[in-house]
Each structure stands twice: as C-alpha cells, then as structure tokens.
PDB file of N, CA and C in Angstrom:
ATOM      1  N   MET A   1     -13.185 130.830 140.934  1.00  0.00           N
ATOM      2  CA  MET A   1     -13.071 129.523 141.760  1.00  0.00           C
ATOM      3  C   MET A   1     -13.435 127.974 140.883  1.00  0.00           C
ATOM      4  N   GLN A   2     -14.448 128.281 139.910  1.00  0.00           N
ATOM      5  CA  GLN A   2     -14.506 126.993 139.530  1.00  0.00           C
ATOM      6  C   GLN A   2     -13.663 126.564 138.675  1.00  0.00           C
ATOM      7  N   VAL A   3     -12.736 127.282 138.097  1.00  0.00           N
ATOM      8  CA  VAL A   3     -11.533 127.017 137.194  1.00  0.00           C
ATOM      9  C   VAL A   3     -10.657 126.332 138.055  1.00  0.00           C
ATOM     10  N   LEU A   4     -10.375 126.770 139.328  1.00  0.00           N
ATOM     11  CA  LEU A   4      -9.579 126.116 140.136  1.00  0.00           C
ATOM     12  C   LEU A   4      -9.866 124.990 140.649  1.00  0.00           C
ATOM     13  N   GLN A   5     -11.050 124.758 140.987  1.00  0.00           N
ATOM     14  CA  GLN A   5     -11.663 123.390 141.236  1.00  0.00           C
ATOM     15  C   GLN A   5     -11.556 122.136 140.142  1.00  0.00           C
ATOM     16  N   LYS A   6     -11.803 122.905 138.835  1.00  0.00           N
ATOM     17  CA  LYS A   6     -11.912 122.191 137.751  1.00  0.00           C
ATOM     18  C   LYS A   6     -10.201 121.474 137.582  1.00  0.00           C
ATOM     19  N   VAL A   7      -9.366 122.458 137.799  1.00  0.00           N
ATOM     20  CA  VAL A   7      -7.783 121.930 137.253  1.00  0.00           C
ATOM     21  C   VAL A   7      -7.483 121.112 138.735  1.00  0.00           C
ATOM     22  N   GLN A   8      -7.923 121.345 139.921  1.00  0.00           N
ATOM     23  CA  GLN A   8      -7.702 120.184 140.939  1.00  0.00           C
ATOM     24  C   GLN A   8      -8.187 118.982 140.805  1.00  0.00           C
ATOM     25  N   GLU A   9      -9.703 119.085 140.268  1.00  0.00           N
ATOM     26  CA  GLU A   9     -10.240 117.818 140.247  1.00  0.00           C
ATOM     27  C   GLU A   9      -9.790 116.952 138.997  1.00  0.00           C
ATOM     28  N   HIS A  10      -8.929 117.749 138.047  1.00  0.00           N
ATOM     29  CA  HIS A  10      -8.567 116.836 136.907  1.00  0.00           C
ATOM     30  C   HIS A  10      -7.141 116.764 137.013  1.00  0.00           C
ATOM     31  N   GLN A  11      -6.524 117.072 138.117  1.00  0.00           N
ATOM     32  CA  GLN A  11      -5.147 117.077 138.383  1.00  0.00           C
ATOM     33  C   GLN A  11      -4.396 117.671 137.050  1.00  0.00           C
ATOM     34  N   ALA A  12      -4.989 118.597 136.617  1.00  0.00           N
ATOM     35  CA  ALA A  12      -4.420 119.352 135.485  1.00  0.00           C
ATOM     36  C   ALA A  12      -3.101 120.167 135.650  1.00  0.00           C
ATOM     37  N   SER A  13      -2.395 120.676 134.806  1.00  0.00           N
ATOM     38  CA  SER A  13      -1.327 121.513 134.937  1.00  0.00           C
ATOM     39  C   SER A  13      -1.572 122.592 133.428  1.00  0.00           C
ATOM     40  N   GLY A  14      -1.135 123.626 133.790  1.00  0.00           N
ATOM     41  CA  GLY A  14      -0.889 124.677 132.860  1.00  0.00           C
ATOM     42  C   GLY A  14      -0.881 125.963 133.357  1.00  0.00           C
ATOM     43  N   ILE A  15      -0.977 127.052 132.528  1.00  0.00           N
ATOM     44  CA  ILE A  15      -0.718 128.537 132.994  1.00  0.00           C
ATOM     45  C   ILE A  15      -2.028 129.112 133.242  1.00  0.00           C
ATOM     46  N   LEU A  16      -2.347 129.674 134.281  1.00  0.00           N
ATOM     47  CA  LEU A  16      -3.516 130.631 134.471  1.00  0.00           C
ATOM     48  C   LEU A  16      -3.051 132.328 135.043  1.00  0.00           C
ATOM     49  N   VAL A  17      -3.791 132.815 134.448  1.00  0.00           N
ATOM     50  CA  VAL A  17      -3.553 134.421 134.347  1.00  0.00           C
ATOM     51  C   VAL A  17      -4.870 134.737 135.172  1.00  0.00           C
ATOM     52  N   ILE A  18      -4.445 135.278 136.625  1.00  0.00           N
ATOM     53  CA  ILE A  18      -5.308 135.566 137.485  1.00  0.00           C
ATOM     54  C   ILE A  18      -4.918 137.147 138.146  1.00  0.00           C
ATOM     55  N   PRO A  19      -5.729 137.946 138.633  1.00  0.00           N
ATOM     56  CA  PRO A  19      -5.140 139.070 139.168  1.00  0.00           C
ATOM     57  C   PRO A  19      -4.791 138.825 140.356  1.00  0.00           C
ATOM     58  N   TYR A  20      -3.858 140.075 140.868  1.00  0.00           N
ATOM     59  CA  TYR A  20      -3.354 140.199 142.095  1.00  0.00           C
ATOM     60  C   TYR A  20      -4.201 140.621 143.057  1.00  0.00           C
ATOM     61  N   TRP A  21      -5.340 139.780 143.663  1.00  0.00           N
ATOM     62  CA  TRP A  21      -6.099 139.980 144.464  1.00  0.00           C
ATOM     63  C   TRP A  21      -6.604 139.025 145.718  1.00  0.00           C
ATOM     64  N   PRO A  22      -5.393 139.448 146.844  1.00  0.00           N
ATOM     65  CA  PRO A  22      -5.145 138.535 147.911  1.00  0.00           C
ATOM     66  C   PRO A  22      -6.839 138.486 148.778  1.00  0.00           C
ATOM     67  N   THR A  23      -7.540 139.435 148.773  1.00  0.00           N
ATOM     68  CA  THR A  23      -8.647 139.333 149.447  1.00  0.00           C
ATOM     69  C   THR A  23      -9.770 138.489 149.291  1.00  0.00           C
ATOM     70  N   GLN A  24      -9.702 137.986 147.843  1.00  0.00           N
ATOM     71  CA  GLN A  24     -10.801 137.056 147.196  1.00  0.00           C
ATOM     72  C   GLN A  24     -10.924 135.771 147.909  1.00  0.00           C
ATOM     73  N   ILE A  25     -11.755 135.216 148.044  1.00  0.00           N
ATOM     74  CA  ILE A  25     -11.805 133.791 148.445  1.00  0.00           C
ATOM     75  C   ILE A  25     -11.177 132.629 147.738  1.00  0.00           C
ATOM     76  N   TRP A  26     -10.791 132.965 146.443  1.00  0.00           N
ATOM     77  CA  TRP A  26     -10.244 131.970 145.847  1.00  0.00           C
ATOM     78  C   TRP A  26      -8.719 132.026 145.948  1.00  0.00           C
ATOM     79  N   TRP A  27      -8.271 133.187 146.455  1.00  0.00           N
ATOM     80  CA  TRP A  27      -7.036 133.377 146.415  1.00  0.00           C
ATOM     81  C   TRP A  27      -6.094 132.368 147.357  1.00  0.00           C
ATOM     82  N   PRO A  28      -6.271 132.093 148.594  1.00  0.00           N
ATOM     83  CA  PRO A  28      -5.462 130.864 149.117  1.00  0.00           C
ATOM     84  C   PRO A  28      -5.481 129.687 148.557  1.00  0.00           C
ATOM     85  N   LYS A  29      -6.593 129.321 147.714  1.00  0.00           N
ATOM     86  CA  LYS A  29      -6.449 128.007 146.958  1.00  0.00           C
ATOM     87  C   LYS A  29      -5.710 128.224 145.968  1.00  0.00           C
ATOM     88  N   ALA A  30      -5.831 129.261 144.973  1.00  0.00           N
ATOM     89  CA  ALA A  30      -4.592 129.291 143.868  1.00  0.00           C
ATOM     90  C   ALA A  30      -3.285 129.482 144.347  1.00  0.00           C
ATOM     91  N   MET A  31      -3.021 129.847 145.577  1.00  0.00           N
ATOM     92  CA  MET A  31      -1.612 130.234 145.918  1.00  0.00           C
ATOM     93  C   MET A  31      -1.229 128.859 146.441  1.00  0.00           C
ATOM     94  N   ASN A  32      -2.017 128.074 147.207  1.00  0.00           N
ATOM     95  CA  ASN A  32      -1.989 126.511 147.528  1.00  0.00           C
ATOM     96  C   ASN A  32      -1.503 125.539 146.255  1.00  0.00           C
ATOM     97  N   MET A  33      -1.934 125.820 145.099  1.00  0.00           N
ATOM     98  CA  MET A  33      -1.972 125.043 144.034  1.00  0.00           C
ATOM     99  C   MET A  33      -0.657 125.467 143.239  1.00  0.00           C
ATOM    100  N   ILE A  34      -0.039 126.627 143.388  1.00  0.00           N
ATOM    101  CA  ILE A  34       1.177 127.045 142.353  1.00  0.00           C
ATOM    102  C   ILE A  34       2.236 126.064 142.490  1.00  0.00           C
ATOM    103  N   VAL A  35       3.022 125.752 141.547  1.00  0.00           N
ATOM    104  CA  VAL A  35       4.202 125.010 141.558  1.00  0.00           C
ATOM    105  C   VAL A  35       5.773 125.739 141.206  1.00  0.00           C
ATOM    106  N   GLN A  36       5.290 126.968 141.039  1.00  0.00           N
ATOM    107  CA  GLN A  36       6.507 127.865 141.058  1.00  0.00           C
ATOM    108  C   GLN A  36       6.129 129.301 141.342  1.00  0.00           C
ATOM    109  N   GLN A  37       7.128 130.150 141.504  1.00  0.00           N
ATOM    110  CA  GLN A  37       6.902 131.345 141.664  1.00  0.00           C
ATOM    111  C   GLN A  37       6.285 132.004 140.441  1.00  0.00           C
ATOM    112  N   PRO A  38       5.202 133.113 141.215  1.00  0.00           N
ATOM    113  CA  PRO A  38       4.228 133.379 140.071  1.00  0.00           C
ATOM    114  C   PRO A  38       5.089 134.637 139.327  1.00  0.00           C
ATOM    115  N   ILE A  39       4.666 134.965 137.787  1.00  0.00           N
ATOM    116  CA  ILE A  39       5.367 135.952 137.294  1.00  0.00           C
ATOM    117  C   ILE A  39       4.382 137.167 137.455  1.00  0.00           C
ATOM    118  N   VAL A  40       4.941 138.234 138.104  1.00  0.00           N
ATOM    119  CA  VAL A  40       3.976 139.506 138.169  1.00  0.00           C
ATOM    120  C   VAL A  40       4.238 140.260 136.918  1.00  0.00           C
ATOM    121  N   LEU A  41       3.049 140.429 136.050  1.00  0.00           N
ATOM    122  CA  LEU A  41       3.206 141.302 134.960  1.00  0.00           C
ATOM    123  C   LEU A  41       3.402 142.987 135.442  1.00  0.00           C
ATOM    124  N   PRO A  42       4.195 143.675 134.882  1.00  0.00           N
ATOM    125  CA  PRO A  42       4.353 144.991 134.927  1.00  0.00           C
ATOM    126  C   PRO A  42       3.096 145.818 134.926  1.00  0.00           C
ATOM    127  N   LYS A  43       2.703 146.942 135.813  1.00  0.00           N
ATOM    128  CA  LYS A  43       1.557 147.810 135.654  1.00  0.00           C
ATOM    129  C   LYS A  43       1.679 148.613 134.453  1.00  0.00           C
ATOM    130  N   SER A  44       0.644 148.672 133.532  1.00  0.00           N
ATOM    131  CA  SER A  44       0.895 149.488 132.154  1.00  0.00           C
ATOM    132  C   SER A  44      -0.626 149.621 131.682  1.00  0.00           C
ATOM    133  N   LYS A  45      -0.315 150.812 131.113  1.00  0.00           N
ATOM    134  CA  LYS A  45      -1.917 151.352 131.076  1.00  0.00           C
ATOM    135  C   LYS A  45      -2.482 150.751 129.748  1.00  0.00           C
ATOM    136  N   GLU A  46      -1.439 150.145 129.038  1.00  0.00           N
ATOM    137  CA  GLU A  46      -1.596 149.306 127.825  1.00  0.00           C
ATOM    138  C   GLU A  46      -1.670 147.859 127.985  1.00  0.00           C
ATOM    139  N   LEU A  47      -1.937 147.406 128.971  1.00  0.00           N
ATOM    140  CA  LEU A  47      -1.628 146.080 129.384  1.00  0.00           C
ATOM    141  C   LEU A  47      -3.118 145.344 128.902  1.00  0.00           C
ATOM    142  N   LEU A  48      -3.974 145.905 129.355  1.00  0.00           N
ATOM    143  CA  LEU A  48      -5.360 145.443 128.736  1.00  0.00           C
ATOM    144  C   LEU A  48      -6.089 146.367 127.763  1.00  0.00           C
ATOM    145  N   PHE A  49      -6.857 145.479 126.843  1.00  0.00           N
ATOM    146  CA  PHE A  49      -7.433 146.113 125.888  1.00  0.00           C
ATOM    147  C   PHE A  49      -8.325 145.110 124.975  1.00  0.00           C
ATOM    148  N   LEU A  50      -9.245 145.867 124.260  1.00  0.00           N
ATOM    149  CA  LEU A  50     -10.057 144.836 123.392  1.00  0.00           C
ATOM    150  C   LEU A  50      -9.720 145.271 122.013  1.00  0.00           C
ATOM    151  N   PRO A  51      -9.396 144.140 121.365  1.00  0.00           N
ATOM    152  CA  PRO A  51      -9.005 144.251 119.793  1.00  0.00           C
ATOM    153  C   PRO A  51      -9.952 144.953 119.131  1.00  0.00           C
ATOM    154  N   ASN A  52     -11.345 145.116 119.367  1.00  0.00           N
ATOM    155  CA  ASN A  52     -12.072 145.625 118.486  1.00  0.00           C
ATOM    156  C   ASN A  52     -12.370 147.252 119.101  1.00  0.00           C
ATOM    157  N   GLN A  53     -11.800 147.421 120.234  1.00  0.00           N
ATOM    158  CA  GLN A  53     -11.887 148.797 120.734  1.00  0.00           C
ATOM    159  C   GLN A  53     -10.271 149.292 121.335  1.00  0.00           C
ATOM    160  N   PRO A  54      -9.495 149.449 120.377  1.00  0.00           N
ATOM    161  CA  PRO A  54      -7.987 149.461 120.760  1.00  0.00           C
ATOM    162  C   PRO A  54      -7.863 150.623 121.156  1.00  0.00           C
ATOM    163  N   ASN A  55      -8.524 151.789 121.260  1.00  0.00           N
ATOM    164  CA  ASN A  55      -8.519 153.167 121.867  1.00  0.00           C
ATOM    165  C   ASN A  55      -8.993 152.965 123.333  1.00  0.00           C
ATOM    166  N   LYS A  56      -9.872 152.152 123.516  1.00  0.00           N
ATOM    167  CA  LYS A  56     -10.311 152.251 125.047  1.00  0.00           C
ATOM    168  C   LYS A  56      -9.390 151.520 125.840  1.00  0.00           C
ATOM    169  N   ILE A  57      -8.897 152.002 126.634  1.00  0.00           N
ATOM    170  CA  ILE A  57      -7.937 151.328 127.743  1.00  0.00           C
ATOM    171  C   ILE A  57      -8.519 150.991 129.009  1.00  0.00           C
ATOM    172  N   TYR A  58      -8.123 149.882 129.439  1.00  0.00           N
ATOM    173  CA  TYR A  58      -8.336 149.436 130.714  1.00  0.00           C
ATOM    174  C   TYR A  58      -7.326 149.122 131.721  1.00  0.00           C
ATOM    175  N   GLY A  59      -7.325 150.474 132.716  1.00  0.00           N
ATOM    176  CA  GLY A  59      -5.923 150.468 133.624  1.00  0.00           C
ATOM    177  C   GLY A  59      -5.776 149.179 134.351  1.00  0.00           C
ATOM    178  N   THR A  60      -4.465 149.108 134.846  1.00  0.00           N
ATOM    179  CA  THR A  60      -4.183 148.034 135.924  1.00  0.00           C
ATOM    180  C   THR A  60      -3.887 148.849 137.231  1.00  0.00           C
TER     181      THR A  60
END
C-alpha cells in the first residue's frame, strides 16, 4: 500500500510487479491506477527463486 501511495503522491509512472491478490485491501487502488491491461505471468515452478539458493523453489 505504501508503494501505491508514493506513486500516486508523486504522480509517478513505472512498472510495478504485484501478485494477483484481489482480496487484499490495496488491490482496488492498484487496479484504479493501471494505465494499460496488466501482463499476467504464467504459472511456473521456476518463476520465483533466490539467486543464493537456486535449488529452493517458491511455487506460484
């Protein structure tokens, strides 16, 4: 929520990567701020990982 407030406060533009989480309190604000259709990343077991722990996978 703080990031969204900062973007709005400074009338900034940019790319923001957020989870698809419509039940979160910040979701409506994020959707009201978009300027084009969101790009949804495909589900993948290799989508999220830590460079220092490449064998530990964080599923989506």
